[in-house]
N, C-alpha and C. Protein backbone atom coordinates (compact mmCIF):
# COMPACT_ATOMS: atom_id res chain seq x y z
N MET A 1 -42.64 -13.85 31.04
CA MET A 1 -41.67 -14.74 30.45
C MET A 1 -40.23 -14.60 31.17
N PRO A 2 -39.65 -15.77 31.42
CA PRO A 2 -38.31 -15.64 32.08
C PRO A 2 -37.31 -15.10 31.23
N PRO A 3 -36.25 -14.55 31.88
CA PRO A 3 -35.25 -13.89 31.05
C PRO A 3 -34.38 -14.96 30.31
N PRO A 4 -33.77 -14.67 29.24
CA PRO A 4 -33.02 -15.71 28.49
C PRO A 4 -31.78 -16.15 29.44
N PRO A 5 -31.48 -17.43 29.16
CA PRO A 5 -30.26 -17.85 29.99
C PRO A 5 -29.08 -17.13 29.57
N SER A 6 -28.18 -16.96 30.52
CA SER A 6 -26.91 -16.29 30.20
C SER A 6 -25.84 -17.32 29.75
N ALA A 7 -24.92 -16.92 28.98
CA ALA A 7 -23.89 -17.91 28.58
C ALA A 7 -23.16 -18.41 29.76
N THR A 8 -22.76 -19.64 29.61
CA THR A 8 -21.93 -20.31 30.69
C THR A 8 -20.57 -19.71 30.69
N PRO A 9 -20.07 -19.20 31.79
CA PRO A 9 -18.72 -18.61 31.73
C PRO A 9 -17.59 -19.68 31.56
N THR A 10 -16.72 -19.30 30.69
CA THR A 10 -15.58 -20.21 30.40
C THR A 10 -14.54 -19.86 31.42
N PRO A 11 -14.05 -20.98 32.21
CA PRO A 11 -12.98 -20.67 33.18
C PRO A 11 -11.72 -20.28 32.46
N VAL A 12 -11.04 -19.36 32.99
CA VAL A 12 -9.69 -18.88 32.52
C VAL A 12 -8.58 -19.91 33.18
N PRO A 13 -7.93 -20.69 32.34
CA PRO A 13 -6.97 -21.59 33.00
C PRO A 13 -5.81 -20.80 33.69
N VAL A 14 -5.52 -21.18 34.82
CA VAL A 14 -4.41 -20.57 35.53
C VAL A 14 -3.11 -21.38 35.33
N THR A 15 -2.12 -20.83 34.71
CA THR A 15 -0.92 -21.60 34.41
C THR A 15 0.05 -21.15 35.52
N PRO A 16 0.63 -22.16 36.24
CA PRO A 16 1.59 -21.80 37.30
C PRO A 16 2.96 -21.31 36.61
N ALA A 17 3.61 -20.50 37.31
CA ALA A 17 4.82 -20.04 36.81
C ALA A 17 5.89 -21.21 36.74
N PRO A 18 6.60 -21.38 35.55
CA PRO A 18 7.44 -22.60 35.50
C PRO A 18 8.62 -22.35 36.55
N THR A 19 9.04 -23.57 36.98
CA THR A 19 10.18 -23.63 37.91
C THR A 19 11.44 -23.36 37.06
N PRO A 20 12.29 -22.40 37.51
CA PRO A 20 13.51 -22.11 36.69
C PRO A 20 14.43 -23.26 36.74
N THR A 21 15.12 -23.49 35.64
CA THR A 21 16.04 -24.54 35.53
C THR A 21 17.30 -24.18 36.21
N PRO A 22 17.92 -25.09 37.04
CA PRO A 22 19.19 -24.57 37.77
C PRO A 22 20.26 -24.55 36.74
N PRO A 23 21.24 -23.65 36.96
CA PRO A 23 22.34 -23.61 35.93
C PRO A 23 23.15 -24.88 36.03
N PRO A 24 23.64 -25.25 34.90
CA PRO A 24 24.49 -26.49 34.83
C PRO A 24 25.79 -26.22 35.57
N THR A 25 26.32 -27.36 36.13
CA THR A 25 27.54 -27.19 36.86
C THR A 25 28.52 -28.22 36.21
N LEU A 26 29.67 -27.79 36.03
CA LEU A 26 30.80 -28.68 35.50
C LEU A 26 31.85 -28.66 36.62
N GLY A 27 31.71 -29.73 37.47
CA GLY A 27 32.71 -29.81 38.56
C GLY A 27 33.85 -30.58 38.03
N TYR A 28 34.95 -30.52 38.79
CA TYR A 28 36.11 -31.31 38.40
C TYR A 28 35.99 -32.63 39.20
N ARG A 29 36.00 -33.65 38.37
CA ARG A 29 36.01 -35.08 38.97
C ARG A 29 36.53 -36.02 37.88
N LYS A 30 37.14 -37.07 38.41
CA LYS A 30 37.71 -37.98 37.56
C LYS A 30 36.60 -38.95 37.20
N LEU A 31 36.45 -39.23 35.85
CA LEU A 31 35.44 -40.15 35.35
C LEU A 31 36.11 -41.43 34.98
N ASP A 32 35.85 -42.54 35.59
CA ASP A 32 36.45 -43.87 35.40
C ASP A 32 35.44 -44.72 34.70
N VAL A 33 35.75 -45.08 33.48
CA VAL A 33 34.97 -46.05 32.70
C VAL A 33 35.79 -47.28 32.87
N PRO A 34 35.22 -48.39 33.50
CA PRO A 34 36.08 -49.54 33.86
C PRO A 34 36.67 -50.12 32.60
N LYS A 35 35.95 -50.50 31.63
CA LYS A 35 36.48 -51.00 30.47
C LYS A 35 35.60 -50.91 29.30
N LEU A 36 36.17 -50.79 28.13
CA LEU A 36 35.41 -50.79 26.92
C LEU A 36 35.04 -52.17 26.52
N PHE A 37 34.28 -52.39 25.41
CA PHE A 37 33.97 -53.80 25.08
C PHE A 37 35.17 -54.60 24.69
N SER A 38 36.23 -53.94 24.27
CA SER A 38 37.39 -54.74 23.83
C SER A 38 38.37 -54.98 25.09
N GLY A 39 38.02 -54.55 26.20
CA GLY A 39 38.92 -54.76 27.36
C GLY A 39 39.90 -53.61 27.56
N VAL A 40 39.74 -52.59 26.79
CA VAL A 40 40.72 -51.40 26.99
C VAL A 40 40.22 -50.59 28.14
N LYS A 41 41.19 -50.25 29.16
CA LYS A 41 40.74 -49.44 30.33
C LYS A 41 40.78 -48.04 29.89
N VAL A 42 39.77 -47.24 30.27
CA VAL A 42 39.70 -45.92 29.90
C VAL A 42 39.65 -45.08 31.20
N ASN A 43 40.49 -44.01 31.23
CA ASN A 43 40.42 -43.09 32.34
C ASN A 43 40.14 -41.67 31.70
N ALA A 44 39.06 -41.11 32.00
CA ALA A 44 38.68 -39.81 31.42
C ALA A 44 38.63 -38.83 32.52
N ARG A 45 39.07 -37.62 32.22
CA ARG A 45 39.11 -36.56 33.14
C ARG A 45 38.60 -35.29 32.49
N LEU A 46 37.57 -34.57 33.13
CA LEU A 46 37.11 -33.39 32.68
C LEU A 46 37.71 -32.19 33.39
N GLU A 47 38.22 -31.19 32.79
CA GLU A 47 38.85 -30.05 33.43
C GLU A 47 38.00 -28.86 33.02
N ALA A 48 37.18 -28.32 33.88
CA ALA A 48 36.37 -27.14 33.48
C ALA A 48 36.95 -25.90 34.16
N THR A 49 37.01 -24.83 33.35
CA THR A 49 37.50 -23.57 33.87
C THR A 49 36.48 -22.54 33.55
N ALA A 50 36.43 -21.58 34.41
CA ALA A 50 35.40 -20.46 34.23
C ALA A 50 35.72 -19.73 32.85
N GLY A 51 34.66 -19.50 32.20
CA GLY A 51 34.80 -18.66 30.87
C GLY A 51 34.04 -17.45 30.91
N THR A 52 33.84 -16.91 29.75
CA THR A 52 32.98 -15.63 29.67
C THR A 52 31.51 -16.09 29.29
N THR A 53 30.89 -15.55 28.36
CA THR A 53 29.62 -15.95 27.84
C THR A 53 29.72 -17.07 26.95
N ALA A 54 28.79 -17.85 26.68
CA ALA A 54 28.80 -18.89 25.74
C ALA A 54 28.99 -18.35 24.37
N SER A 55 28.37 -17.31 24.00
CA SER A 55 28.51 -16.63 22.69
C SER A 55 29.87 -16.23 22.38
N ALA A 56 30.55 -15.66 23.44
CA ALA A 56 32.01 -15.22 23.23
C ALA A 56 32.87 -16.40 23.21
N ASP A 57 32.70 -17.42 24.17
CA ASP A 57 33.57 -18.54 24.16
C ASP A 57 33.53 -19.44 22.95
N ARG A 58 32.29 -19.49 22.37
CA ARG A 58 32.02 -20.34 21.25
C ARG A 58 32.93 -19.97 20.02
N VAL A 59 33.18 -18.69 19.82
CA VAL A 59 33.98 -18.18 18.65
C VAL A 59 35.49 -18.16 19.02
N GLU A 60 35.93 -18.34 20.16
CA GLU A 60 37.30 -18.21 20.54
C GLU A 60 37.97 -19.57 20.37
N ASP A 61 39.03 -19.51 19.66
CA ASP A 61 39.87 -20.73 19.48
C ASP A 61 40.28 -21.21 20.78
N GLY A 62 40.20 -22.53 20.86
CA GLY A 62 40.82 -23.17 22.11
C GLY A 62 39.81 -23.15 23.36
N SER A 63 38.57 -22.63 23.05
CA SER A 63 37.58 -22.67 24.11
C SER A 63 37.15 -24.01 24.49
N TYR A 64 37.02 -24.79 23.51
CA TYR A 64 36.55 -26.23 23.62
C TYR A 64 37.74 -27.11 22.89
N SER A 65 38.43 -28.02 23.73
CA SER A 65 39.37 -28.73 23.12
C SER A 65 39.40 -30.16 23.74
N LEU A 66 39.98 -30.98 23.06
CA LEU A 66 40.16 -32.40 23.50
C LEU A 66 41.64 -32.75 23.20
N ASP A 67 42.28 -33.21 24.33
CA ASP A 67 43.71 -33.83 24.18
C ASP A 67 43.48 -35.29 24.42
N LEU A 68 44.02 -36.06 23.53
CA LEU A 68 43.95 -37.43 23.64
C LEU A 68 45.34 -38.07 23.62
N THR A 69 45.60 -38.87 24.60
CA THR A 69 46.94 -39.62 24.69
C THR A 69 46.59 -41.06 24.72
N VAL A 70 47.21 -41.83 24.03
CA VAL A 70 46.98 -43.36 23.92
C VAL A 70 48.24 -43.98 24.44
N HIS A 71 48.18 -44.82 25.43
CA HIS A 71 49.34 -45.53 25.89
C HIS A 71 49.24 -47.00 25.47
N VAL A 72 50.20 -47.54 24.81
CA VAL A 72 50.12 -48.82 24.29
C VAL A 72 51.44 -49.60 24.66
N LYS A 73 51.21 -50.84 25.05
CA LYS A 73 52.38 -51.72 25.20
C LYS A 73 52.52 -52.53 23.96
N VAL A 74 53.65 -52.47 23.30
CA VAL A 74 53.87 -53.09 22.11
C VAL A 74 54.47 -54.49 22.52
N PRO A 75 53.78 -55.54 22.12
CA PRO A 75 54.20 -56.90 22.54
C PRO A 75 55.45 -57.39 21.58
N LYS A 76 56.27 -58.17 22.09
CA LYS A 76 57.37 -58.67 21.29
C LYS A 76 56.85 -60.03 20.76
N PRO A 77 57.35 -60.34 19.61
CA PRO A 77 56.88 -61.66 19.00
C PRO A 77 57.55 -62.81 19.59
N HIS A 78 56.85 -63.89 19.52
CA HIS A 78 57.46 -65.26 19.96
C HIS A 78 58.61 -65.61 19.03
N GLN A 79 59.80 -66.00 19.56
CA GLN A 79 60.90 -66.32 18.64
C GLN A 79 61.48 -67.78 18.96
N SER A 80 60.77 -68.49 19.86
CA SER A 80 61.25 -69.82 20.21
C SER A 80 60.05 -70.79 19.98
N LEU A 81 60.44 -71.99 19.75
CA LEU A 81 59.51 -73.09 19.62
C LEU A 81 58.62 -73.28 20.85
N ALA A 82 59.22 -73.13 21.92
CA ALA A 82 58.56 -73.40 23.19
C ALA A 82 57.38 -72.32 23.35
N ASN A 83 57.76 -71.08 23.06
CA ASN A 83 56.68 -70.04 23.14
C ASN A 83 55.63 -70.21 22.04
N LEU A 84 56.01 -70.55 20.84
CA LEU A 84 54.94 -70.75 19.77
C LEU A 84 54.09 -72.05 20.04
N SER A 85 54.69 -72.98 20.74
CA SER A 85 53.96 -74.15 21.09
C SER A 85 52.85 -73.88 22.07
N LYS A 86 53.01 -72.80 22.91
CA LYS A 86 51.95 -72.40 23.84
C LYS A 86 50.73 -71.97 23.12
N LEU A 87 50.94 -71.48 21.88
CA LEU A 87 49.79 -71.05 21.05
C LEU A 87 49.13 -72.14 20.41
N ASN A 88 49.93 -73.07 19.87
CA ASN A 88 49.38 -74.25 19.23
C ASN A 88 50.46 -75.37 19.38
N ALA A 89 50.05 -76.38 20.17
CA ALA A 89 51.02 -77.49 20.47
C ALA A 89 51.39 -78.36 19.23
N GLN A 90 50.57 -78.20 18.24
CA GLN A 90 50.74 -79.05 16.89
C GLN A 90 51.58 -78.31 15.94
N LEU A 91 52.21 -77.14 16.20
CA LEU A 91 52.93 -76.39 15.20
C LEU A 91 54.21 -77.20 14.79
N ALA A 92 54.86 -77.80 15.78
CA ALA A 92 56.16 -78.54 15.40
C ALA A 92 55.80 -79.76 14.58
N THR A 93 54.66 -80.37 14.77
CA THR A 93 54.19 -81.58 13.96
C THR A 93 53.85 -81.11 12.66
N ALA A 94 53.08 -80.00 12.57
CA ALA A 94 52.54 -79.59 11.20
C ALA A 94 53.65 -78.92 10.45
N LEU A 95 54.72 -78.39 11.06
CA LEU A 95 55.79 -77.68 10.41
C LEU A 95 57.14 -78.30 10.89
N PRO A 96 57.51 -79.47 10.40
CA PRO A 96 58.70 -80.20 11.01
C PRO A 96 59.96 -79.35 10.87
N ASP A 97 60.03 -78.42 9.89
CA ASP A 97 61.30 -77.63 9.75
C ASP A 97 61.19 -76.40 10.72
N LEU A 98 60.17 -76.12 11.39
CA LEU A 98 60.14 -74.89 12.08
C LEU A 98 61.22 -74.65 13.16
N PRO A 99 61.72 -75.67 13.82
CA PRO A 99 62.85 -75.36 14.78
C PRO A 99 64.11 -74.85 14.00
N THR A 100 64.37 -75.42 12.81
CA THR A 100 65.57 -74.98 12.02
C THR A 100 65.19 -73.53 11.49
N LEU A 101 64.08 -73.32 11.09
CA LEU A 101 63.71 -71.99 10.50
C LEU A 101 63.76 -70.83 11.69
N LEU A 102 63.39 -71.27 12.81
CA LEU A 102 63.52 -70.23 13.93
C LEU A 102 64.91 -69.93 14.25
N GLN A 103 65.87 -70.66 13.98
CA GLN A 103 67.28 -70.37 14.30
C GLN A 103 67.77 -69.16 13.49
N THR A 104 67.25 -68.98 12.31
CA THR A 104 67.67 -67.84 11.53
C THR A 104 66.63 -66.78 11.27
N ALA A 105 65.51 -67.05 11.92
CA ALA A 105 64.31 -66.09 11.68
C ALA A 105 64.64 -64.71 12.19
N ALA A 106 64.16 -63.74 11.46
CA ALA A 106 64.27 -62.31 11.85
C ALA A 106 62.89 -61.74 11.96
N VAL A 107 62.68 -60.92 12.84
CA VAL A 107 61.35 -60.21 12.99
C VAL A 107 61.22 -59.09 12.07
N SER A 108 60.20 -59.05 11.38
CA SER A 108 59.94 -57.93 10.38
C SER A 108 60.10 -56.52 11.14
N PRO A 109 60.67 -55.57 10.52
CA PRO A 109 60.74 -54.21 11.12
C PRO A 109 59.35 -53.57 11.15
N ILE A 110 58.33 -54.03 10.56
CA ILE A 110 57.11 -53.45 10.49
C ILE A 110 56.17 -54.07 11.61
N PHE A 111 56.70 -55.05 12.35
CA PHE A 111 55.89 -55.75 13.33
C PHE A 111 55.61 -54.81 14.45
């Protein structure tokens, strides 16, 4: 009688060693975002400095901060019929007293 068949050996999977992830780099460079959806130009700048360990830096005040400066040109209001007519040529027709009103008009201080 022949010997009983032996169990089929199960191959042991060989898992390759994972490739180490390179350390992240935070180089200094100017990030220019051309325009936001509303047409506002954005200039962003990242300043990275060498720290200690992440666990130490995380609890230190000021380790991570954001300084934001907004530069705005405040427009002046139109104060003449000629300038207002550029917005709507029919204003003088719709408001016949507008030229007289503009002579004594004052701009609100909250404008």
